[in-house]
Amino acid sequence: MVKVFSGLLVIIGLFLVSVAVWPVVSYELFALTSLRQKELLSPLPQVAGTTASSSTNLTRARNWFVGAPELKEEAPENIRFYNVSIPKLKIEDAVAEIGGDDLSKSLIHYKGTALPGRKGNTVIFGHSTLPFLFNPKNYLSIFSTLPTIKTGDEVKINYDGIVYTYRIEEMFEVGPKDIQVLEQRYDDSYITLITCVPPGTYLKRLVVKGRLVPPENL
């Protein structure tokens, strides 16, 4: 009985390790074949930031990028929240807080980036963990399956009663010091979705970028 019990414990232990390790390995294989390190130009001016460490609280948006700039608040005082839907990921009407910080309660619209539908870059942070823990209603796991999104998939934003549709155009990895992904381009309306990768870690940032689809092209 002791040998049988010990064997069962070993099998259970190996199973749990594989469940934790396989998502990381499979993501790294995916990253090697499908993603690239983005060449980032025109770096933004940096401000003092905290270096990420094992004690960093990644449920706080302020800790996601080292030296992230303080951008000017542009949101109307009476609009602090809007809804995000990503059909491919089965995310429906998730709440995004403009200028918020607590990723355990909502998605976070990075303070000072473009409002939905306007010219510029709307930047949204979402927390993630191991994919098997994904729950589209749980903000601690809501972006766990973001790596499965594809070029051409859509993100819908319901802001101030108007629904804006963005179409994904590219995805890539950056490091936590590559704050250029927060910068604004005003030639069109863009969206940037960001989460931590590989799954269950905070070593890198996955960046998924899309562009607003004009109503006549929907």
Protein backbone atom coordinates (compact mmCIF):
# COMPACT_ATOMS: atom_id res chain seq x y z
CA MET A 1 0.00 0.00 0.00
CA VAL A 2 2.83 2.39 0.85
CA LYS A 3 4.45 1.79 -2.55
CA VAL A 4 1.13 2.28 -4.35
CA PHE A 5 0.40 5.46 -2.42
CA SER A 6 3.91 6.79 -3.09
CA GLY A 7 3.55 5.97 -6.78
CA LEU A 8 0.24 7.83 -6.95
CA LEU A 9 1.81 10.88 -5.32
CA VAL A 10 4.65 10.82 -7.85
CA ILE A 11 2.20 10.56 -10.75
CA ILE A 12 0.07 13.40 -9.37
CA GLY A 13 3.17 15.51 -8.82
CA LEU A 14 4.40 14.91 -12.38
CA PHE A 15 0.94 15.76 -13.71
CA LEU A 16 0.81 19.04 -11.80
CA VAL A 17 4.30 19.99 -12.97
CA SER A 18 3.41 19.23 -16.58
CA VAL A 19 0.22 21.28 -16.30
CA ALA A 20 2.28 24.26 -15.13
CA VAL A 21 5.26 23.80 -17.47
CA TRP A 22 3.60 22.81 -20.74
CA PRO A 23 1.79 26.17 -21.31
CA VAL A 24 5.13 27.97 -20.94
CA VAL A 25 6.93 25.57 -23.31
CA SER A 26 4.13 25.67 -25.90
CA TYR A 27 4.01 29.46 -25.74
CA GLU A 28 7.78 29.73 -26.26
CA LEU A 29 7.51 27.46 -29.31
CA PHE A 30 4.69 29.64 -30.61
CA ALA A 31 6.70 32.79 -29.93
CA LEU A 32 9.72 31.46 -31.80
CA THR A 33 7.69 30.71 -34.92
CA SER A 34 4.99 33.39 -34.87
CA LEU A 35 6.30 36.41 -32.96
CA ARG A 36 9.30 38.64 -33.31
CA GLN A 37 11.13 41.07 -31.13
CA LYS A 38 9.80 44.44 -32.19
CA GLU A 39 12.32 47.05 -33.30
CA LEU A 40 11.19 50.06 -31.34
CA LEU A 41 12.21 53.49 -32.56
CA SER A 42 11.80 57.01 -31.18
CA PRO A 43 11.93 56.08 -27.48
CA LEU A 44 9.71 58.02 -25.14
CA PRO A 45 11.24 60.14 -22.39
CA GLN A 46 11.53 57.98 -19.28
CA VAL A 47 10.62 58.88 -15.75
CA ALA A 48 11.70 57.20 -12.56
CA GLY A 49 10.23 53.71 -12.30
CA THR A 50 10.51 50.60 -10.20
CA THR A 51 12.56 47.70 -11.45
CA ALA A 52 10.43 44.56 -11.70
CA SER A 53 11.27 41.89 -9.15
CA SER A 54 9.75 38.80 -7.62
CA SER A 55 8.03 41.03 -5.08
CA THR A 56 6.47 43.34 -7.69
CA ASN A 57 2.68 43.36 -7.54
CA LEU A 58 1.63 42.75 -11.15
CA THR A 59 -2.04 43.29 -10.34
CA ARG A 60 -1.09 46.99 -10.36
CA ALA A 61 -0.86 48.49 -13.85
CA ARG A 62 1.78 50.98 -12.66
CA ASN A 63 4.28 48.10 -12.29
CA TRP A 64 4.00 46.71 -15.82
CA PHE A 65 6.58 48.90 -17.51
CA VAL A 66 9.77 50.24 -15.98
CA GLY A 67 10.02 54.01 -16.46
CA ALA A 68 6.55 54.36 -17.97
CA PRO A 69 5.70 58.02 -18.66
CA GLU A 70 2.94 59.94 -16.93
CA LEU A 71 0.67 60.91 -19.81
CA LYS A 72 -1.85 63.71 -19.62
CA GLU A 73 -5.35 62.67 -18.62
CA GLU A 74 -7.77 63.14 -21.53
CA ALA A 75 -10.90 61.34 -20.39
CA PRO A 76 -14.04 63.32 -19.52
CA GLU A 77 -14.62 63.28 -15.78
CA ASN A 78 -18.07 61.76 -16.20
CA ILE A 79 -16.81 58.73 -18.22
CA ARG A 80 -14.49 56.43 -16.26
CA PHE A 81 -15.48 53.04 -17.66
CA TYR A 82 -16.31 51.37 -20.95
CA ASN A 83 -16.81 47.80 -22.23
CA VAL A 84 -14.52 45.55 -24.25
CA SER A 85 -15.62 42.46 -26.20
CA ILE A 86 -13.28 40.04 -28.01
CA PRO A 87 -15.45 37.35 -29.69
CA LYS A 88 -12.46 35.11 -30.54
CA LEU A 89 -11.56 34.90 -26.82
CA LYS A 90 -15.19 34.67 -25.62
CA ILE A 91 -14.74 37.95 -23.73
CA GLU A 92 -18.01 39.88 -23.64
CA ASP A 93 -18.57 43.34 -22.17
CA ALA A 94 -15.50 43.27 -19.94
CA VAL A 95 -15.10 46.51 -17.99
CA ALA A 96 -12.12 48.76 -18.71
CA GLU A 97 -11.34 51.56 -16.25
CA ILE A 98 -9.79 54.70 -17.69
CA GLY A 99 -6.68 55.60 -15.71
CA GLY A 100 -7.25 52.78 -13.23
CA ASP A 101 -4.59 50.63 -11.57
CA ASP A 102 -6.16 47.48 -10.07
CA LEU A 103 -6.10 44.70 -12.68
CA SER A 104 -7.93 42.32 -10.35
CA LYS A 105 -11.10 44.38 -10.75
CA SER A 106 -11.09 45.39 -14.43
CA LEU A 107 -9.09 45.85 -17.57
CA ILE A 108 -7.06 49.05 -17.36
CA HIS A 109 -7.04 51.79 -20.01
CA TYR A 110 -3.59 53.32 -19.59
CA LYS A 111 -3.95 56.89 -18.40
CA GLY A 112 -3.49 59.51 -21.10
CA THR A 113 -3.66 57.20 -24.12
CA ALA A 114 -6.29 57.86 -26.79
CA LEU A 115 -9.92 57.33 -25.98
CA PRO A 116 -11.74 54.72 -28.11
CA GLY A 117 -12.68 55.97 -31.56
CA ARG A 118 -10.29 58.91 -31.46
CA LYS A 119 -7.03 59.39 -33.30
CA GLY A 120 -4.13 57.86 -31.41
CA ASN A 121 -3.34 54.65 -29.56
CA THR A 122 -5.83 53.21 -27.05
CA VAL A 123 -3.73 51.06 -24.68
CA ILE A 124 -5.46 48.40 -22.56
CA PHE A 125 -3.75 46.19 -19.95
CA GLY A 126 -5.23 42.85 -18.91
CA HIS A 127 -3.98 40.34 -16.35
CA SER A 128 -3.21 36.74 -17.28
CA THR A 129 -2.24 33.44 -15.71
CA LEU A 130 -1.94 29.82 -16.91
CA PRO A 131 -4.38 29.21 -19.81
CA PHE A 132 -6.28 26.36 -18.10
CA LEU A 133 -7.34 28.88 -15.44
CA PHE A 134 -8.85 31.21 -18.07
CA ASN A 135 -12.19 32.69 -17.11
CA PRO A 136 -13.49 35.61 -19.19
CA LYS A 137 -15.35 36.91 -16.14
CA ASN A 138 -12.30 36.83 -13.85
CA TYR A 139 -10.03 39.83 -14.37
CA LEU A 140 -7.03 37.97 -12.94
CA SER A 141 -7.20 35.52 -15.86
CA ILE A 142 -9.07 37.46 -18.54
CA PHE A 143 -6.14 37.81 -21.00
CA SER A 144 -4.72 34.31 -20.42
CA THR A 145 -5.67 33.24 -23.96
CA LEU A 146 -4.61 36.47 -25.68
CA PRO A 147 -1.74 34.63 -27.49
CA THR A 148 -4.37 32.66 -29.43
CA ILE A 149 -5.74 35.75 -31.15
CA LYS A 150 -5.02 36.03 -34.87
CA THR A 151 -4.55 38.77 -37.44
CA GLY A 152 -7.99 39.75 -38.68
CA ASP A 153 -9.80 39.00 -35.41
CA GLU A 154 -11.90 41.82 -34.00
CA VAL A 155 -12.08 43.78 -30.76
CA LYS A 156 -15.25 45.72 -30.05
CA ILE A 157 -15.30 48.73 -27.74
CA ASN A 158 -18.55 50.17 -26.40
CA TYR A 159 -17.61 53.68 -25.33
CA ASP A 160 -20.17 56.34 -24.43
CA GLY A 161 -22.93 54.45 -26.25
CA ILE A 162 -21.00 53.98 -29.49
CA VAL A 163 -19.52 50.62 -30.56
CA TYR A 164 -16.12 50.81 -32.25
CA THR A 165 -14.65 47.80 -34.06
CA TYR A 166 -10.89 47.29 -34.28
CA ARG A 167 -9.24 44.65 -36.46
CA ILE A 168 -6.02 42.98 -35.26
CA GLU A 169 -3.02 43.66 -37.52
CA GLU A 170 0.06 42.45 -35.63
CA MET A 171 1.37 40.97 -32.40
CA PHE A 172 4.84 40.88 -30.90
CA GLU A 173 6.80 40.67 -27.65
CA VAL A 174 8.62 43.44 -25.82
CA GLY A 175 10.46 43.70 -22.53
CA PRO A 176 9.17 45.60 -19.46
CA LYS A 177 11.46 48.52 -20.33
CA ASP A 178 10.14 48.92 -23.89
CA ILE A 179 7.72 51.72 -23.12
CA GLN A 180 7.54 52.85 -26.74
CA VAL A 181 4.46 50.63 -27.16
CA LEU A 182 2.58 53.26 -25.14
CA GLU A 183 3.38 56.07 -27.56
CA GLN A 184 0.74 57.85 -29.62
CA ARG A 185 0.38 57.93 -33.41
CA TYR A 186 -2.26 60.30 -34.74
CA ASP A 187 -2.54 59.20 -38.38
CA ASP A 188 -5.36 56.79 -37.43
CA SER A 189 -7.16 55.16 -34.48
CA TYR A 190 -5.28 52.20 -33.00
CA ILE A 191 -5.78 49.78 -30.13
CA THR A 192 -3.04 48.00 -28.17
CA LEU A 193 -3.82 45.06 -25.88
CA ILE A 194 -1.04 44.09 -23.47
CA THR A 195 -0.54 41.19 -21.07
CA CYS A 196 2.35 39.35 -19.38
CA VAL A 197 3.99 36.32 -21.01
CA PRO A 198 5.04 33.47 -21.00
CA PRO A 199 1.87 32.16 -19.31
CA GLY A 200 2.00 32.45 -15.55
CA THR A 201 5.12 34.67 -15.63
CA TYR A 202 5.89 38.38 -15.98
CA LEU A 203 9.17 38.17 -17.94
CA LYS A 204 7.87 39.81 -21.14
CA ARG A 205 4.88 41.68 -22.49
CA LEU A 206 2.72 40.43 -25.34
CA VAL A 207 1.53 43.34 -27.47
CA VAL A 208 -1.47 42.92 -29.77
CA LYS A 209 -2.19 45.87 -32.04
CA GLY A 210 -5.24 46.66 -34.13
CA ARG A 211 -6.71 49.49 -36.17
CA LEU A 212 -10.20 51.02 -36.16
CA VAL A 213 -12.41 49.67 -38.94
CA PRO A 214 -14.39 52.43 -40.72
CA PRO A 215 -18.16 51.72 -40.52
CA GLU A 216 -18.41 51.23 -44.30
CA ASN A 217 -15.86 48.39 -44.10
CA LEU A 218 -17.63 46.37 -41.42
